[in-house]
Structures are given as structure tokens and as C-alpha cells.
Amino acid sequence: MINKSYQKPSQQTQEEALKIANAIQRPAQTKEQTKLIAQGIQKGIDLYKKQQKEKARQLNKRLKKAAVHKEKTSDSDEPDVEEIIVYRQHWLPWVLLLVSWLGFGVYYFLNLRVSH
């Protein structure tokens, strides 16, 4: 036996559904038809709200589960491992810099000798 409890839609939802139904009303449409359209829109709004509440509950469950897991892992008796980061530079740029300066120096001294 399924126990379905039906909640009456809020007054705000009913008003909003009626506004939307009136906004899309056709010229030859009767009030009854508009009322039926408003009820359909209202059901859609209620379904959307239920889905959002369910998503929020699922998210809260996952967050709690993650928090409990994190708490368990942080409570362990293992000492914290310190990470030492050593930045090492590659030797190639320094060699190229040195070679280029030596090349400029040799070029300068050779041009100095030739001009005298």
C-alpha cells in the first residue's frame, strides 16, 4: 500500500500559474480552458520544486558523507608528511646565455682589432 500525502500547492504557486496561463491565453479561449492550463502549469511548478528539493537532499547526503570520510582520514595516527619542494632549473638556458655572451665578446674584440 502506497501512502501518498498530497500537499495543497501554495497560494504563490497558484497565482504564478494563473498569471502565466493568462499571459499565453488565446483570444477564443474560455475561462475554464485557462483554468485547466493554469492547473497544468501549477503541477509542472510543483514537480520542478520537488525535483530541486530531492537534488538538494542528495547533495547534502554526499556532503555529509564526504565530511565524515575526511574526518576519519584526518583522525588517523599517521604523522603528517611534509612535502619539500625543490625547484631545479634546467642547465640549457644558462649554457646558451654564457655562449651568447662569449660570442658577443669575441665579435666585439675582433671588430675592435680590425677597425684599428
PDB file of N, CA and C in Angstrom:
ATOM      1  N   MET A   1       0.836  -1.170   0.000  1.00  0.00           N
ATOM      2  CA  MET A   1       0.000   0.000   0.000  1.00  0.00           C
ATOM      3  C   MET A   1       0.883   1.235   0.000  1.00  0.00           C
ATOM      4  N   ILE A   2       0.703   2.086  -0.949  1.00  0.00           N
ATOM      5  CA  ILE A   2       1.500   3.301  -1.069  1.00  0.00           C
ATOM      6  C   ILE A   2       0.777   4.435  -0.371  1.00  0.00           C
ATOM      7  N   ASN A   3       1.494   5.080   0.508  1.00  0.00           N
ATOM      8  CA  ASN A   3       0.922   6.211   1.248  1.00  0.00           C
ATOM      9  C   ASN A   3       1.398   7.493   0.589  1.00  0.00           C
ATOM     10  N   LYS A   4       0.550   8.094  -0.219  1.00  0.00           N
ATOM     11  CA  LYS A   4       0.898   9.352  -0.895  1.00  0.00           C
ATOM     12  C   LYS A   4       0.215  10.495  -0.174  1.00  0.00           C
ATOM     13  N   SER A   5       1.007  11.356   0.374  1.00  0.00           N
ATOM     14  CA  SER A   5       0.408  12.528   1.014  1.00  0.00           C
ATOM     15  C   SER A   5       0.425  13.668   0.001  1.00  0.00           C
ATOM     16  N   TYR A   6      -0.717  14.211  -0.266  1.00  0.00           N
ATOM     17  CA  TYR A   6      -0.835  15.286  -1.245  1.00  0.00           C
ATOM     18  C   TYR A   6      -0.825  16.613  -0.517  1.00  0.00           C
ATOM     19  N   GLN A   7       0.103  17.453  -0.888  1.00  0.00           N
ATOM     20  CA  GLN A   7       0.152  18.795  -0.304  1.00  0.00           C
ATOM     21  C   GLN A   7      -0.538  19.750  -1.257  1.00  0.00           C
ATOM     22  N   LYS A   8      -1.344  20.601  -0.691  1.00  0.00           N
ATOM     23  CA  LYS A   8      -2.011  21.608  -1.496  1.00  0.00           C
ATOM     24  C   LYS A   8      -0.962  22.634  -1.942  1.00  0.00           C
ATOM     25  N   PRO A   9      -0.970  23.004  -3.222  1.00  0.00           N
ATOM     26  CA  PRO A   9       0.010  23.976  -3.713  1.00  0.00           C
ATOM     27  C   PRO A   9      -0.127  25.309  -2.988  1.00  0.00           C
ATOM     28  N   SER A  10       0.969  25.978  -2.855  1.00  0.00           N
ATOM     29  CA  SER A  10       0.955  27.262  -2.162  1.00  0.00           C
ATOM     30  C   SER A  10       0.176  28.301  -2.969  1.00  0.00           C
ATOM     31  N   GLN A  11      -0.274  29.316  -2.287  1.00  0.00           N
ATOM     32  CA  GLN A  11      -1.038  30.391  -2.928  1.00  0.00           C
ATOM     33  C   GLN A  11      -0.175  31.104  -3.966  1.00  0.00           C
ATOM     34  N   GLN A  12       1.109  31.244  -3.650  1.00  0.00           N
ATOM     35  CA  GLN A  12       2.033  31.922  -4.574  1.00  0.00           C
ATOM     36  C   GLN A  12       2.161  31.120  -5.872  1.00  0.00           C
ATOM     37  N   THR A  13       2.256  29.798  -5.760  1.00  0.00           N
ATOM     38  CA  THR A  13       2.353  28.948  -6.952  1.00  0.00           C
ATOM     39  C   THR A  13       1.088  29.044  -7.784  1.00  0.00           C
ATOM     40  N   GLN A  14      -0.062  29.040  -7.126  1.00  0.00           N
ATOM     41  CA  GLN A  14      -1.332  29.141  -7.848  1.00  0.00           C
ATOM     42  C   GLN A  14      -1.435  30.463  -8.596  1.00  0.00           C
ATOM     43  N   GLU A  15      -1.039  31.546  -7.929  1.00  0.00           N
ATOM     44  CA  GLU A  15      -1.108  32.868  -8.564  1.00  0.00           C
ATOM     45  C   GLU A  15      -0.157  32.948  -9.750  1.00  0.00           C
ATOM     46  N   GLU A  16       1.047  32.410  -9.576  1.00  0.00           N
ATOM     47  CA  GLU A  16       2.025  32.464 -10.655  1.00  0.00           C
ATOM     48  C   GLU A  16       1.557  31.636 -11.855  1.00  0.00           C
ATOM     49  N   ALA A  17       0.985  30.473 -11.596  1.00  0.00           N
ATOM     50  CA  ALA A  17       0.471  29.636 -12.683  1.00  0.00           C
ATOM     51  C   ALA A  17      -0.663  30.346 -13.410  1.00  0.00           C
ATOM     52  N   LEU A  18      -1.520  31.013 -12.676  1.00  0.00           N
ATOM     53  CA  LEU A  18      -2.630  31.736 -13.294  1.00  0.00           C
ATOM     54  C   LEU A  18      -2.120  32.905 -14.142  1.00  0.00           C
ATOM     55  N   LYS A  19      -1.101  33.606 -13.644  1.00  0.00           N
ATOM     56  CA  LYS A  19      -0.520  34.710 -14.426  1.00  0.00           C
ATOM     57  C   LYS A  19       0.049  34.197 -15.741  1.00  0.00           C
ATOM     58  N   ILE A  20       0.782  33.073 -15.667  1.00  0.00           N
ATOM     59  CA  ILE A  20       1.375  32.509 -16.881  1.00  0.00           C
ATOM     60  C   ILE A  20       0.280  32.068 -17.845  1.00  0.00           C
ATOM     61  N   ALA A  21      -0.762  31.416 -17.312  1.00  0.00           N
ATOM     62  CA  ALA A  21      -1.866  30.955 -18.162  1.00  0.00           C
ATOM     63  C   ALA A  21      -2.567  32.139 -18.828  1.00  0.00           C
ATOM     64  N   ASN A  22      -2.772  33.224 -18.099  1.00  0.00           N
ATOM     65  CA  ASN A  22      -3.403  34.403 -18.688  1.00  0.00           C
ATOM     66  C   ASN A  22      -2.508  35.065 -19.722  1.00  0.00           C
ATOM     67  N   ALA A  23      -1.202  34.974 -19.508  1.00  0.00           N
ATOM     68  CA  ALA A  23      -0.272  35.599 -20.451  1.00  0.00           C
ATOM     69  C   ALA A  23      -0.257  34.874 -21.790  1.00  0.00           C
ATOM     70  N   ILE A  24      -0.496  33.564 -21.768  1.00  0.00           N
ATOM     71  CA  ILE A  24      -0.460  32.808 -23.023  1.00  0.00           C
ATOM     72  C   ILE A  24      -1.863  32.488 -23.540  1.00  0.00           C
ATOM     73  N   GLN A  25      -2.861  33.130 -22.994  1.00  0.00           N
ATOM     74  CA  GLN A  25      -4.257  32.875 -23.349  1.00  0.00           C
ATOM     75  C   GLN A  25      -4.530  33.270 -24.802  1.00  0.00           C
ATOM     76  N   ARG A  26      -5.276  32.426 -25.501  1.00  0.00           N
ATOM     77  CA  ARG A  26      -5.682  32.684 -26.890  1.00  0.00           C
ATOM     78  C   ARG A  26      -6.977  33.512 -26.880  1.00  0.00           C
ATOM     79  N   PRO A  27      -7.253  34.237 -27.960  1.00  0.00           N
ATOM     80  CA  PRO A  27      -8.465  35.078 -27.995  1.00  0.00           C
ATOM     81  C   PRO A  27      -9.777  34.302 -27.812  1.00  0.00           C
ATOM     82  N   ALA A  28      -9.916  33.120 -28.373  1.00  0.00           N
ATOM     83  CA  ALA A  28     -11.182  32.389 -28.299  1.00  0.00           C
ATOM     84  C   ALA A  28     -11.216  31.406 -27.136  1.00  0.00           C
ATOM     85  N   GLN A  29     -10.278  31.498 -26.244  1.00  0.00           N
ATOM     86  CA  GLN A  29     -10.163  30.541 -25.139  1.00  0.00           C
ATOM     87  C   GLN A  29     -11.117  30.902 -23.996  1.00  0.00           C
ATOM     88  N   THR A  30     -11.772  29.894 -23.423  1.00  0.00           N
ATOM     89  CA  THR A  30     -12.708  30.140 -22.321  1.00  0.00           C
ATOM     90  C   THR A  30     -11.967  30.182 -20.997  1.00  0.00           C
ATOM     91  N   LYS A  31     -12.682  30.651 -19.967  1.00  0.00           N
ATOM     92  CA  LYS A  31     -12.072  30.729 -18.638  1.00  0.00           C
ATOM     93  C   LYS A  31     -11.759  29.338 -18.098  1.00  0.00           C
ATOM     94  N   GLU A  32     -12.604  28.375 -18.424  1.00  0.00           N
ATOM     95  CA  GLU A  32     -12.386  27.003 -17.972  1.00  0.00           C
ATOM     96  C   GLU A  32     -11.096  26.435 -18.580  1.00  0.00           C
ATOM     97  N   GLN A  33     -10.906  26.702 -19.857  1.00  0.00           N
ATOM     98  CA  GLN A  33      -9.693  26.232 -20.519  1.00  0.00           C
ATOM     99  C   GLN A  33      -8.455  26.885 -19.902  1.00  0.00           C
ATOM    100  N   THR A  34      -8.553  28.172 -19.618  1.00  0.00           N
ATOM    101  CA  THR A  34      -7.452  28.886 -18.988  1.00  0.00           C
ATOM    102  C   THR A  34      -7.167  28.301 -17.604  1.00  0.00           C
ATOM    103  N   LYS A  35      -8.251  27.970 -16.898  1.00  0.00           N
ATOM    104  CA  LYS A  35      -8.099  27.389 -15.559  1.00  0.00           C
ATOM    105  C   LYS A  35      -7.392  26.030 -15.643  1.00  0.00           C
ATOM    106  N   LEU A  36      -7.756  25.218 -16.627  1.00  0.00           N
ATOM    107  CA  LEU A  36      -7.110  23.923 -16.813  1.00  0.00           C
ATOM    108  C   LEU A  36      -5.627  24.074 -17.164  1.00  0.00           C
ATOM    109  N   ILE A  37      -5.331  25.049 -18.003  1.00  0.00           N
ATOM    110  CA  ILE A  37      -3.936  25.325 -18.358  1.00  0.00           C
ATOM    111  C   ILE A  37      -3.162  25.762 -17.122  1.00  0.00           C
ATOM    112  N   ALA A  38      -3.786  26.612 -16.298  1.00  0.00           N
ATOM    113  CA  ALA A  38      -3.140  27.071 -15.067  1.00  0.00           C
ATOM    114  C   ALA A  38      -2.860  25.893 -14.130  1.00  0.00           C
ATOM    115  N   GLN A  39      -3.786  24.941 -14.049  1.00  0.00           N
ATOM    116  CA  GLN A  39      -3.567  23.769 -13.214  1.00  0.00           C
ATOM    117  C   GLN A  39      -2.388  22.934 -13.726  1.00  0.00           C
ATOM    118  N   GLY A  40      -2.290  22.793 -15.037  1.00  0.00           N
ATOM    119  CA  GLY A  40      -1.161  22.060 -15.622  1.00  0.00           C
ATOM    120  C   GLY A  40       0.164  22.742 -15.329  1.00  0.00           C
ATOM    121  N   ILE A  41       0.175  24.066 -15.470  1.00  0.00           N
ATOM    122  CA  ILE A  41       1.399  24.826 -15.166  1.00  0.00           C
ATOM    123  C   ILE A  41       1.744  24.686 -13.689  1.00  0.00           C
ATOM    124  N   GLN A  42       0.739  24.715 -12.849  1.00  0.00           N
ATOM    125  CA  GLN A  42       0.934  24.589 -11.403  1.00  0.00           C
ATOM    126  C   GLN A  42       1.534  23.220 -11.069  1.00  0.00           C
ATOM    127  N   LYS A  43       1.049  22.174 -11.707  1.00  0.00           N
ATOM    128  CA  LYS A  43       1.608  20.837 -11.486  1.00  0.00           C
ATOM    129  C   LYS A  43       3.064  20.780 -11.930  1.00  0.00           C
ATOM    130  N   GLY A  44       3.350  21.441 -13.033  1.00  0.00           N
ATOM    131  CA  GLY A  44       4.731  21.496 -13.516  1.00  0.00           C
ATOM    132  C   GLY A  44       5.644  22.209 -12.534  1.00  0.00           C
ATOM    133  N   ILE A  45       5.172  23.311 -11.983  1.00  0.00           N
ATOM    134  CA  ILE A  45       5.953  24.071 -11.000  1.00  0.00           C
ATOM    135  C   ILE A  45       6.180  23.220  -9.755  1.00  0.00           C
ATOM    136  N   ASP A  46       5.140  22.524  -9.292  1.00  0.00           N
ATOM    137  CA  ASP A  46       5.272  21.664  -8.114  1.00  0.00           C
ATOM    138  C   ASP A  46       6.266  20.533  -8.364  1.00  0.00           C
ATOM    139  N   LEU A  47       6.197  19.925  -9.545  1.00  0.00           N
ATOM    140  CA  LEU A  47       7.127  18.852  -9.891  1.00  0.00           C
ATOM    141  C   LEU A  47       8.558  19.375  -9.909  1.00  0.00           C
ATOM    142  N   TYR A  48       8.755  20.547 -10.478  1.00  0.00           N
ATOM    143  CA  TYR A  48      10.091  21.151 -10.525  1.00  0.00           C
ATOM    144  C   TYR A  48      10.622  21.388  -9.111  1.00  0.00           C
ATOM    145  N   LYS A  49       9.753  21.915  -8.237  1.00  0.00           N
ATOM    146  CA  LYS A  49      10.177  22.167  -6.853  1.00  0.00           C
ATOM    147  C   LYS A  49      10.543  20.874  -6.147  1.00  0.00           C
ATOM    148  N   LYS A  50       9.765  19.799  -6.368  1.00  0.00           N
ATOM    149  CA  LYS A  50      10.086  18.508  -5.764  1.00  0.00           C
ATOM    150  C   LYS A  50      11.441  18.000  -6.238  1.00  0.00           C
ATOM    151  N   GLN A  51      11.686  18.132  -7.541  1.00  0.00           N
ATOM    152  CA  GLN A  51      12.968  17.680  -8.087  1.00  0.00           C
ATOM    153  C   GLN A  51      14.127  18.460  -7.482  1.00  0.00           C
ATOM    154  N   GLN A  52      13.958  19.765  -7.324  1.00  0.00           N
ATOM    155  CA  GLN A  52      15.024  20.573  -6.750  1.00  0.00           C
ATOM    156  C   GLN A  52      15.272  20.214  -5.295  1.00  0.00           C
ATOM    157  N   LYS A  53      14.193  19.939  -4.539  1.00  0.00           N
ATOM    158  CA  LYS A  53      14.356  19.530  -3.145  1.00  0.00           C
ATOM    159  C   LYS A  53      15.094  18.200  -3.061  1.00  0.00           C
ATOM    160  N   GLU A  54      14.761  17.278  -3.959  1.00  0.00           N
ATOM    161  CA  GLU A  54      15.421  15.969  -3.966  1.00  0.00           C
ATOM    162  C   GLU A  54      16.907  16.121  -4.299  1.00  0.00           C
ATOM    163  N   LYS A  55      17.209  16.969  -5.257  1.00  0.00           N
ATOM    164  CA  LYS A  55      18.613  17.219  -5.601  1.00  0.00           C
ATOM    165  C   LYS A  55      19.358  17.807  -4.414  1.00  0.00           C
ATOM    166  N   ALA A  56      18.723  18.734  -3.703  1.00  0.00           N
ATOM    167  CA  ALA A  56      19.351  19.350  -2.534  1.00  0.00           C
ATOM    168  C   ALA A  56      19.591  18.308  -1.446  1.00  0.00           C
ATOM    169  N   ARG A  57      18.626  17.405  -1.238  1.00  0.00           N
ATOM    170  CA  ARG A  57      18.806  16.344  -0.240  1.00  0.00           C
ATOM    171  C   ARG A  57      19.958  15.428  -0.616  1.00  0.00           C
ATOM    172  N   GLN A  58      20.026  15.053  -1.885  1.00  0.00           N
ATOM    173  CA  GLN A  58      21.118  14.186  -2.341  1.00  0.00           C
ATOM    174  C   GLN A  58      22.470  14.866  -2.168  1.00  0.00           C
ATOM    175  N   LEU A  59      22.530  16.154  -2.471  1.00  0.00           N
ATOM    176  CA  LEU A  59      23.775  16.896  -2.312  1.00  0.00           C
ATOM    177  C   LEU A  59      24.181  16.959  -0.846  1.00  0.00           C
ATOM    178  N   ASN A  60      23.205  17.201   0.041  1.00  0.00           N
ATOM    179  CA  ASN A  60      23.512  17.232   1.477  1.00  0.00           C
ATOM    180  C   ASN A  60      24.023  15.883   1.952  1.00  0.00           C
ATOM    181  N   LYS A  61      23.423  14.796   1.467  1.00  0.00           N
ATOM    182  CA  LYS A  61      23.893  13.464   1.845  1.00  0.00           C
ATOM    183  C   LYS A  61      25.337  13.249   1.409  1.00  0.00           C
ATOM    184  N   ARG A  62      25.650  13.641   0.178  1.00  0.00           N
ATOM    185  CA  ARG A  62      27.021  13.463  -0.315  1.00  0.00           C
ATOM    186  C   ARG A  62      28.001  14.320   0.458  1.00  0.00           C
ATOM    187  N   LEU A  63      27.599  15.558   0.793  1.00  0.00           N
ATOM    188  CA  LEU A  63      28.488  16.431   1.559  1.00  0.00           C
ATOM    189  C   LEU A  63      28.747  15.871   2.951  1.00  0.00           C
ATOM    190  N   LYS A  64      27.704  15.352   3.592  1.00  0.00           N
ATOM    191  CA  LYS A  64      27.884  14.753   4.911  1.00  0.00           C
ATOM    192  C   LYS A  64      28.785  13.534   4.832  1.00  0.00           C
ATOM    193  N   LYS A  65      28.566  12.708   3.815  1.00  0.00           N
ATOM    194  CA  LYS A  65      29.381  11.514   3.644  1.00  0.00           C
ATOM    195  C   LYS A  65      30.852  11.891   3.421  1.00  0.00           C
ATOM    196  N   ALA A  66      31.092  12.919   2.620  1.00  0.00           N
ATOM    197  CA  ALA A  66      32.459  13.366   2.357  1.00  0.00           C
ATOM    198  C   ALA A  66      33.086  13.941   3.623  1.00  0.00           C
ATOM    199  N   ALA A  67      32.298  14.675   4.417  1.00  0.00           N
ATOM    200  CA  ALA A  67      32.817  15.253   5.655  1.00  0.00           C
ATOM    201  C   ALA A  67      33.179  14.153   6.645  1.00  0.00           C
ATOM    202  N   VAL A  68      32.341  13.124   6.744  1.00  0.00           N
ATOM    203  CA  VAL A  68      32.638  12.009   7.646  1.00  0.00           C
ATOM    204  C   VAL A  68      33.891  11.278   7.175  1.00  0.00           C
ATOM    205  N   HIS A  69      33.998  11.066   5.881  1.00  0.00           N
ATOM    206  CA  HIS A  69      35.180  10.392   5.335  1.00  0.00           C
ATOM    207  C   HIS A  69      36.447  11.203   5.587  1.00  0.00           C
ATOM    208  N   LYS A  70      36.358  12.494   5.395  1.00  0.00           N
ATOM    209  CA  LYS A  70      37.512  13.365   5.621  1.00  0.00           C
ATOM    210  C   LYS A  70      37.905  13.361   7.096  1.00  0.00           C
ATOM    211  N   GLU A  71      36.904  13.371   7.963  1.00  0.00           N
ATOM    212  CA  GLU A  71      37.168  13.358   9.395  1.00  0.00           C
ATOM    213  C   GLU A  71      37.845  12.044   9.804  1.00  0.00           C
ATOM    214  N   LYS A  72      37.400  10.933   9.225  1.00  0.00           N
ATOM    215  CA  LYS A  72      38.008   9.638   9.533  1.00  0.00           C
ATOM    216  C   LYS A  72      39.460   9.591   9.080  1.00  0.00           C
ATOM    217  N   THR A  73      39.728  10.111   7.901  1.00  0.00           N
ATOM    218  CA  THR A  73      41.101  10.061   7.389  1.00  0.00           C
ATOM    219  C   THR A  73      42.007  11.018   8.142  1.00  0.00           C
ATOM    220  N   SER A  74      41.481  12.131   8.631  1.00  0.00           N
ATOM    221  CA  SER A  74      42.327  13.082   9.352  1.00  0.00           C
ATOM    222  C   SER A  74      42.577  12.632  10.786  1.00  0.00           C
ATOM    223  N   ASP A  75      41.730  11.730  11.323  1.00  0.00           N
ATOM    224  CA  ASP A  75      41.900  11.245  12.685  1.00  0.00           C
ATOM    225  C   ASP A  75      42.901  10.100  12.790  1.00  0.00           C
ATOM    226  N   SER A  76      43.439   9.652  11.686  1.00  0.00           N
ATOM    227  CA  SER A  76      44.357   8.520  11.738  1.00  0.00           C
ATOM    228  C   SER A  76      45.629   8.903  12.492  1.00  0.00           C
ATOM    229  N   ASP A  77      46.320   7.866  13.012  1.00  0.00           N
ATOM    230  CA  ASP A  77      47.506   8.088  13.840  1.00  0.00           C
ATOM    231  C   ASP A  77      48.771   8.315  13.035  1.00  0.00           C
ATOM    232  N   GLU A  78      48.670   8.323  11.736  1.00  0.00           N
ATOM    233  CA  GLU A  78      49.849   8.531  10.906  1.00  0.00           C
ATOM    234  C   GLU A  78      50.307   9.986  11.017  1.00  0.00           C
ATOM    235  N   PRO A  79      51.613  10.195  11.140  1.00  0.00           N
ATOM    236  CA  PRO A  79      52.105  11.581  11.202  1.00  0.00           C
ATOM    237  C   PRO A  79      51.963  12.246   9.838  1.00  0.00           C
ATOM    238  N   ASP A  80      51.793  13.535   9.871  1.00  0.00           N
ATOM    239  CA  ASP A  80      51.674  14.279   8.630  1.00  0.00           C
ATOM    240  C   ASP A  80      53.006  14.280   7.900  1.00  0.00           C
ATOM    241  N   VAL A  81      52.944  14.079   6.621  1.00  0.00           N
ATOM    242  CA  VAL A  81      54.138  14.059   5.792  1.00  0.00           C
ATOM    243  C   VAL A  81      54.354  15.464   5.256  1.00  0.00           C
ATOM    244  N   GLU A  82      55.527  15.998   5.512  1.00  0.00           N
ATOM    245  CA  GLU A  82      55.852  17.325   4.984  1.00  0.00           C
ATOM    246  C   GLU A  82      56.447  17.160   3.598  1.00  0.00           C
ATOM    247  N   GLU A  83      55.930  17.911   2.699  1.00  0.00           N
ATOM    248  CA  GLU A  83      56.453  17.871   1.344  1.00  0.00           C
ATOM    249  C   GLU A  83      57.459  18.995   1.175  1.00  0.00           C
ATOM    250  N   ILE A  84      58.635  18.629   0.712  1.00  0.00           N
ATOM    251  CA  ILE A  84      59.663  19.619   0.436  1.00  0.00           C
ATOM    252  C   ILE A  84      59.757  19.744  -1.079  1.00  0.00           C
ATOM    253  N   ILE A  85      59.488  20.925  -1.547  1.00  0.00           N
ATOM    254  CA  ILE A  85      59.510  21.169  -2.981  1.00  0.00           C
ATOM    255  C   ILE A  85      60.820  21.862  -3.332  1.00  0.00           C
ATOM    256  N   VAL A  86      61.554  21.240  -4.221  1.00  0.00           N
ATOM    257  CA  VAL A  86      62.823  21.794  -4.658  1.00  0.00           C
ATOM    258  C   VAL A  86      62.667  22.203  -6.115  1.00  0.00           C
ATOM    259  N   TYR A  87      62.887  23.464  -6.373  1.00  0.00           N
ATOM    260  CA  TYR A  87      62.802  23.961  -7.732  1.00  0.00           C
ATOM    261  C   TYR A  87      64.177  23.868  -8.367  1.00  0.00           C
ATOM    262  N   ARG A  88      64.275  23.112  -9.432  1.00  0.00           N
ATOM    263  CA  ARG A  88      65.542  22.984 -10.142  1.00  0.00           C
ATOM    264  C   ARG A  88      65.369  23.557 -11.530  1.00  0.00           C
ATOM    265  N   GLN A  89      66.350  24.334 -11.920  1.00  0.00           N
ATOM    266  CA  GLN A  89      66.301  24.910 -13.258  1.00  0.00           C
ATOM    267  C   GLN A  89      67.145  24.060 -14.192  1.00  0.00           C
ATOM    268  N   HIS A  90      66.732  24.059 -15.424  1.00  0.00           N
ATOM    269  CA  HIS A  90      67.458  23.302 -16.421  1.00  0.00           C
ATOM    270  C   HIS A  90      68.750  24.033 -16.764  1.00  0.00           C
ATOM    271  N   TRP A  91      69.786  23.290 -17.109  1.00  0.00           N
ATOM    272  CA  TRP A  91      71.097  23.881 -17.366  1.00  0.00           C
ATOM    273  C   TRP A  91      71.190  24.510 -18.760  1.00  0.00           C
ATOM    274  N   LEU A  92      70.364  24.107 -19.702  1.00  0.00           N
ATOM    275  CA  LEU A  92      70.472  24.570 -21.079  1.00  0.00           C
ATOM    276  C   LEU A  92      70.349  26.090 -21.234  1.00  0.00           C
ATOM    277  N   PRO A  93      69.387  26.766 -20.620  1.00  0.00           N
ATOM    278  CA  PRO A  93      69.313  28.227 -20.796  1.00  0.00           C
ATOM    279  C   PRO A  93      70.565  28.944 -20.299  1.00  0.00           C
ATOM    280  N   TRP A  94      71.153  28.447 -19.198  1.00  0.00           N
ATOM    281  CA  TRP A  94      72.365  29.092 -18.683  1.00  0.00           C
ATOM    282  C   TRP A  94      73.547  28.888 -19.630  1.00  0.00           C
ATOM    283  N   VAL A  95      73.653  27.717 -20.221  1.00  0.00           N
ATOM    284  CA  VAL A  95      74.731  27.462 -21.179  1.00  0.00           C
ATOM    285  C   VAL A  95      74.551  28.340 -22.409  1.00  0.00           C
ATOM    286  N   LEU A  96      73.348  28.446 -22.908  1.00  0.00           N
ATOM    287  CA  LEU A  96      73.094  29.290 -24.081  1.00  0.00           C
ATOM    288  C   LEU A  96      73.394  30.753 -23.781  1.00  0.00           C
ATOM    289  N   LEU A  97      73.059  31.213 -22.574  1.00  0.00           N
ATOM    290  CA  LEU A  97      73.365  32.589 -22.194  1.00  0.00           C
ATOM    291  C   LEU A  97      74.872  32.820 -22.173  1.00  0.00           C
ATOM    292  N   LEU A  98      75.590  31.898 -21.569  1.00  0.00           N
ATOM    293  CA  LEU A  98      77.049  32.022 -21.491  1.00  0.00           C
ATOM    294  C   LEU A  98      77.679  32.004 -22.883  1.00  0.00           C
ATOM    295  N   VAL A  99      77.227  31.093 -23.752  1.00  0.00           N
ATOM    296  CA  VAL A  99      77.771  31.001 -25.112  1.00  0.00           C
ATOM    297  C   VAL A  99      77.468  32.279 -25.886  1.00  0.00           C
ATOM    298  N   SER A 100      76.267  32.832 -25.720  1.00  0.00           N
ATOM    299  CA  SER A 100      75.937  34.043 -26.462  1.00  0.00           C
ATOM    300  C   SER A 100      76.791  35.218 -25.993  1.00  0.00           C
ATOM    301  N   TRP A 101      77.027  35.344 -24.681  1.00  0.00           N
ATOM    302  CA  TRP A 101      77.872  36.433 -24.191  1.00  0.00           C
ATOM    303  C   TRP A 101      79.318  36.261 -24.658  1.00  0.00           C
ATOM    304  N   LEU A 102      79.797  35.047 -24.643  1.00  0.00           N
ATOM    305  CA  LEU A 102      81.153  34.807 -25.165  1.00  0.00           C
ATOM    306  C   LEU A 102      81.217  35.153 -26.651  1.00  0.00           C
ATOM    307  N   GLY A 103      80.181  34.797 -27.399  1.00  0.00           N
ATOM    308  CA  GLY A 103      80.145  35.115 -28.834  1.00  0.00           C
ATOM    309  C   GLY A 103      80.136  36.625 -29.068  1.00  0.00           C
ATOM    310  N   PHE A 104      79.338  37.374 -28.262  1.00  0.00           N
ATOM    311  CA  PHE A 104      79.316  38.837 -28.397  1.00  0.00           C
ATOM    312  C   PHE A 104      80.674  39.431 -28.047  1.00  0.00           C
ATOM    313  N   GLY A 105      81.310  38.880 -27.023  1.00  0.00           N
ATOM    314  CA  GLY A 105      82.632  39.391 -26.615  1.00  0.00           C
ATOM    315  C   GLY A 105      83.670  39.167 -27.692  1.00  0.00           C
ATOM    316  N   VAL A 106      83.697  37.969 -28.244  1.00  0.00           N
ATOM    317  CA  VAL A 106      84.660  37.668 -29.312  1.00  0.00           C
ATOM    318  C   VAL A 106      84.383  38.566 -30.514  1.00  0.00           C
ATOM    319  N   TYR A 107      83.149  38.733 -30.903  1.00  0.00           N
ATOM    320  CA  TYR A 107      82.788  39.578 -32.030  1.00  0.00           C
ATOM    321  C   TYR A 107      83.225  41.024 -31.784  1.00  0.00           C
ATOM    322  N   TYR A 108      83.002  41.520 -30.568  1.00  0.00           N
ATOM    323  CA  TYR A 108      83.373  42.896 -30.239  1.00  0.00           C
ATOM    324  C   TYR A 108      84.892  43.097 -30.320  1.00  0.00           C
ATOM    325  N   PHE A 109      85.657  42.165 -29.743  1.00  0.00           N
ATOM    326  CA  PHE A 109      87.114  42.314 -29.766  1.00  0.00           C
ATOM    327  C   PHE A 109      87.682  42.153 -31.165  1.00  0.00           C
ATOM    328  N   LEU A 110      87.109  41.284 -31.963  1.00  0.00           N
ATOM    329  CA  LEU A 110      87.576  41.135 -33.350  1.00  0.00           C
ATOM    330  C   LEU A 110      87.268  42.394 -34.160  1.00  0.00           C
ATOM    331  N   ASN A 111      86.120  43.002 -33.975  1.00  0.00           N
ATOM    332  CA  ASN A 111      85.778  44.225 -34.690  1.00  0.00           C
ATOM    333  C   ASN A 111      86.604  45.396 -34.182  1.00  0.00           C
ATOM    334  N   LEU A 112      86.983  45.387 -32.908  1.00  0.00           N
ATOM    335  CA  LEU A 112      87.816  46.438 -32.340  1.00  0.00           C
ATOM    336  C   LEU A 112      89.217  46.376 -32.949  1.00  0.00           C
ATOM    337  N   ARG A 113      89.739  45.163 -33.135  1.00  0.00           N
ATOM    338  CA  ARG A 113      91.060  44.984 -33.717  1.00  0.00           C
ATOM    339  C   ARG A 113      91.077  45.371 -35.177  1.00  0.00           C
ATOM    340  N   VAL A 114      90.055  45.025 -35.885  1.00  0.00           N
ATOM    341  CA  VAL A 114      90.009  45.273 -37.332  1.00  0.00           C
ATOM    342  C   VAL A 114      89.874  46.778 -37.592  1.00  0.00           C
ATOM    343  N   SER A 115      89.158  47.508 -36.752  1.00  0.00           N
ATOM    344  CA  SER A 115      88.944  48.912 -37.008  1.00  0.00           C
ATOM    345  C   SER A 115      90.205  49.736 -36.708  1.00  0.00           C
ATOM    346  N   HIS A 116      91.165  49.217 -35.956  1.00  0.00           N
ATOM    347  CA  HIS A 116      92.398  49.983 -35.706  1.00  0.00           C
ATOM    348  C   HIS A 116      93.448  49.695 -36.659  1.00  0.00           C
TER     349      HIS A 116
END
